[in-house]
Every structure is written in structure tokens, then in C-alpha cells.
Amino acid sequence: GQGASRPNPIWDILWKLKVPSKIKIFIWKALHGTVSGKAVLAARYIPVSLQCPVCSTGLEDICHLLFTCPRARCIWEALGLHDVIKNALIVDRSGSVVFEYILCNQNRQSPILGTLGLQESIVAACWYIWWQRRELEKGELVAGPPRTAFAVQALMSNYGFAAPDSKPPEISWTKP
């Protein structure tokens, strides 16, 4: 009818990705601009330095944190996805717009894990980059970009080969 709007297809795409739920929730937050980078905190009047805690050079918004921080770029390079990310960044400076572009326009297999889609590989890597950034903020040591890329590949291959459509075995109690 008149005045009815169609829902954004991004949500159907997001919830159908074959990735762990925690990654879907993270991407949902990123698409809503609520992943708490320094720029988001400052916009909420929380007194923080806007500098990226990883590279100390950029303004830490979601786009910098996940895509343009030198450390993130090294991870994308190690994953063989640097060109895909570079092309997505041409679309817009906003991290959520970049995510939307990646999810809606990338419908092919991943160059790193042929069994999984490119979208799954990218969102898993984004979650991992974000998780490592949180660990660094806590003063923890994290793996360098090549080992991080390997960890992302392992995470996705373990998840991807776990036959998501099969039901877990039924566990029932039996009298000893």
C-alpha cells in the first residue's frame, strides 16, 4: 500500500550468512554504528582520545578500525582480500556503508576458502580484527597479521565444515 516501505535486504543477507551468531551480532551492531570505537564513544560525550589505540595515527571510527588501520590493511593483504576491501572503500567513508556494499554486492566464493562465500570470510575477519583490538586495549599480546589471517581461515574452515544443516546428536539420560 501507499507509504509502505520495503525492508532493507541487508538484514536477510546478514542473518543467512554461515558464520557464528556472535559475528552476525557484531556486524548488526556495526551496521547500526554502535560498535564502540573511540569516535562512537566521543560522539556520546565520553572523554576519550580519538586516536586509534593500535596505530596511534588515525581517527578510530569503524571504517578505520576494520578497514583502513595499517594493521587491518596488513591482515586484509595476508588474507588476499585487500583489493576487495579497497574497492568497497571507494563507495563511502562510512564503515556501515562499506559493510552494506560488501554484503549486498559480493556474491562469489572467497579466494581464501573456496567452500565459503566472500561475505563470510570478510565478516569473520572484521570480527577477528575487532576482537584483537579489544585484546590490545586490555594490554594483551595478539598475533601478527599473517598469524591472524591464518586464525581467521581456521575459524571459518572449522565453522564451514561443521555441516550447519545437520542436527546435533540427541543426548538423553540412561539409567546407570
Protein backbone atom coordinates (compact mmCIF):
# COMPACT_ATOMS: atom_id res chain seq x y z
CA GLY A 1 0.00 0.00 0.00
CA GLN A 2 0.86 3.64 -0.04
CA GLY A 3 3.53 4.70 2.43
CA ALA A 4 4.72 1.13 2.96
CA SER A 5 8.46 0.75 2.73
CA ARG A 6 10.31 -2.39 1.84
CA PRO A 7 12.81 -3.62 4.43
CA ASN A 8 16.46 -3.28 3.54
CA PRO A 9 17.67 -6.58 2.00
CA ILE A 10 20.86 -6.29 4.08
CA TRP A 11 19.11 -7.87 7.08
CA ASP A 12 18.05 -11.01 5.18
CA ILE A 13 21.57 -11.34 3.80
CA LEU A 14 23.18 -10.82 7.21
CA TRP A 15 21.08 -13.35 9.12
CA LYS A 16 21.56 -16.01 6.41
CA LEU A 17 25.38 -15.85 6.49
CA LYS A 18 27.05 -19.11 7.51
CA VAL A 19 29.04 -17.64 10.40
CA PRO A 20 28.76 -17.92 14.19
CA SER A 21 25.97 -15.85 15.76
CA LYS A 22 28.44 -13.65 17.64
CA ILE A 23 29.81 -12.48 14.28
CA LYS A 24 26.31 -11.73 12.93
CA ILE A 25 25.53 -9.70 16.06
CA PHE A 26 28.81 -7.81 15.73
CA ILE A 27 28.04 -6.96 12.08
CA TRP A 28 24.49 -5.95 13.05
CA LYS A 29 25.98 -3.53 15.59
CA ALA A 30 28.49 -2.24 13.03
CA LEU A 31 25.70 -1.63 10.51
CA HIS A 32 23.85 0.35 13.19
CA GLY A 33 27.00 2.33 14.05
CA THR A 34 27.14 1.08 17.63
CA VAL A 35 30.48 -0.74 17.70
CA SER A 36 32.27 1.23 20.34
CA GLY A 37 35.30 2.67 18.60
CA LYS A 38 36.78 5.87 20.05
CA ALA A 39 34.81 8.08 17.63
CA VAL A 40 31.49 6.50 18.72
CA LEU A 41 32.38 6.98 22.40
CA ALA A 42 33.38 10.61 21.81
CA ALA A 43 30.09 11.24 19.99
CA ARG A 44 28.35 10.07 23.19
CA TYR A 45 30.29 12.67 25.21
CA ILE A 46 32.61 10.12 26.79
CA PRO A 47 36.02 11.77 27.21
CA VAL A 48 38.44 9.62 25.20
CA SER A 49 41.31 10.20 22.83
CA LEU A 50 40.07 9.85 19.27
CA GLN A 51 43.35 8.31 18.16
CA CYS A 52 43.42 4.67 17.16
CA PRO A 53 44.94 2.67 20.04
CA VAL A 54 46.53 0.25 17.55
CA CYS A 55 48.37 2.58 15.15
CA SER A 56 48.13 5.93 17.01
CA THR A 57 47.65 7.75 13.70
CA GLY A 58 44.04 7.59 12.59
CA LEU A 59 40.70 8.69 13.97
CA GLU A 60 39.23 5.47 15.29
CA ASP A 61 35.85 5.08 13.67
CA ILE A 62 34.52 1.73 12.47
CA CYS A 63 35.95 2.24 8.98
CA HIS A 64 39.46 2.91 10.34
CA LEU A 65 39.28 0.15 12.92
CA LEU A 66 38.28 -2.59 10.48
CA PHE A 67 39.46 -1.48 7.07
CA THR A 68 41.99 1.37 6.91
CA CYS A 69 44.15 0.97 10.05
CA PRO A 70 47.62 -0.14 8.88
CA ARG A 71 47.32 -3.32 10.97
CA ALA A 72 43.91 -4.13 9.44
CA ARG A 73 45.30 -3.50 5.95
CA CYS A 74 48.11 -5.98 6.63
CA ILE A 75 45.54 -8.59 7.68
CA TRP A 76 43.44 -7.98 4.54
CA GLU A 77 46.63 -8.30 2.48
CA ALA A 78 47.58 -11.57 4.24
CA LEU A 79 44.07 -12.89 3.53
CA GLY A 80 44.31 -11.98 -0.15
CA LEU A 81 41.29 -9.66 0.22
CA HIS A 82 42.99 -6.26 0.07
CA ASP A 83 41.65 -5.43 -3.41
CA VAL A 84 38.08 -6.37 -2.43
CA ILE A 85 38.28 -4.08 0.61
CA LYS A 86 39.95 -1.28 -1.39
CA ASN A 87 37.11 -1.39 -3.94
CA ALA A 88 34.48 -1.33 -1.19
CA LEU A 89 36.13 1.71 0.42
CA ILE A 90 35.67 3.68 -2.82
CA VAL A 91 31.90 3.56 -2.19
CA ASP A 92 31.88 5.62 1.00
CA ARG A 93 33.91 6.62 4.04
CA SER A 94 31.31 5.26 6.48
CA GLY A 95 32.08 1.81 7.88
CA SER A 96 28.41 0.82 7.87
CA VAL A 97 28.02 1.79 4.20
CA VAL A 98 31.14 -0.23 3.35
CA PHE A 99 29.64 -3.24 5.17
CA GLU A 100 26.35 -2.84 3.34
CA TYR A 101 28.14 -2.65 0.00
CA ILE A 102 30.21 -5.77 0.79
CA LEU A 103 27.20 -7.79 1.95
CA CYS A 104 24.87 -6.76 -0.88
CA ASN A 105 27.31 -6.81 -3.80
CA GLN A 106 29.77 -9.64 -3.12
CA ASN A 107 28.15 -12.88 -4.16
CA ARG A 108 31.05 -15.10 -5.02
CA GLN A 109 33.38 -17.59 -3.43
CA SER A 110 36.17 -16.50 -1.18
CA PRO A 111 39.67 -16.61 -2.66
CA ILE A 112 40.90 -17.85 0.73
CA LEU A 113 38.33 -20.54 1.40
CA GLY A 114 36.56 -21.70 -1.74
CA THR A 115 33.91 -23.56 0.27
CA LEU A 116 32.68 -20.34 1.87
CA GLY A 117 31.33 -17.15 0.44
CA LEU A 118 33.36 -14.00 0.26
CA GLN A 119 30.91 -12.28 2.61
CA GLU A 120 31.52 -14.88 5.33
CA SER A 121 35.28 -14.52 5.02
CA ILE A 122 35.09 -10.72 5.25
CA VAL A 123 32.71 -10.55 8.22
CA ALA A 124 34.72 -13.18 10.11
CA ALA A 125 37.92 -11.21 9.51
CA CYS A 126 36.22 -7.99 10.67
CA TRP A 127 35.07 -9.66 13.89
CA TYR A 128 38.56 -11.02 14.49
CA ILE A 129 40.21 -7.62 13.86
CA TRP A 130 37.77 -6.04 16.31
CA TRP A 131 38.33 -8.79 18.89
CA GLN A 132 42.13 -8.36 18.67
CA ARG A 133 41.78 -4.60 19.04
CA ARG A 134 39.86 -5.19 22.28
CA GLU A 135 42.61 -7.53 23.49
CA LEU A 136 45.26 -4.90 22.67
CA GLU A 137 43.27 -2.30 24.65
CA LYS A 138 43.42 -4.64 27.65
CA GLY A 139 47.20 -4.88 27.30
CA GLU A 140 47.16 -8.44 25.91
CA LEU A 141 49.52 -9.64 23.21
CA VAL A 142 47.93 -10.63 19.90
CA ALA A 143 49.24 -12.46 16.87
CA GLY A 144 50.72 -10.50 13.99
CA PRO A 145 48.78 -10.06 10.72
CA PRO A 146 49.99 -13.28 9.00
CA ARG A 147 49.06 -15.44 12.01
CA THR A 148 45.81 -13.51 12.39
CA ALA A 149 44.95 -14.29 8.77
CA PHE A 150 45.67 -17.95 9.46
CA ALA A 151 43.44 -17.84 12.57
CA VAL A 152 40.58 -16.32 10.53
CA GLN A 153 40.98 -19.06 7.93
CA ALA A 154 40.96 -21.72 10.66
CA LEU A 155 37.88 -20.21 12.32
CA MET A 156 35.96 -20.18 9.06
CA SER A 157 37.09 -23.58 7.82
CA ASN A 158 36.18 -25.18 11.17
CA TYR A 159 32.80 -23.48 11.09
CA GLY A 160 32.22 -24.06 7.39
CA PHE A 161 32.84 -27.79 7.50
CA ALA A 162 30.58 -28.34 10.51
CA ALA A 163 27.55 -29.17 8.33
CA PRO A 164 25.29 -26.36 9.62
CA ASP A 165 22.14 -28.14 8.41
CA SER A 166 22.75 -31.35 10.34
CA LYS A 167 21.12 -31.75 13.73
CA PRO A 168 23.37 -32.34 16.74
CA PRO A 169 23.19 -35.85 18.16
CA GLU A 170 20.41 -36.27 20.65
CA ILE A 171 21.70 -36.69 24.18
CA SER A 172 19.49 -38.46 26.64
CA TRP A 173 19.92 -39.77 30.14
CA THR A 174 20.07 -43.50 30.68
CA LYS A 175 19.89 -45.34 33.95
CA PRO A 176 23.40 -46.35 35.12
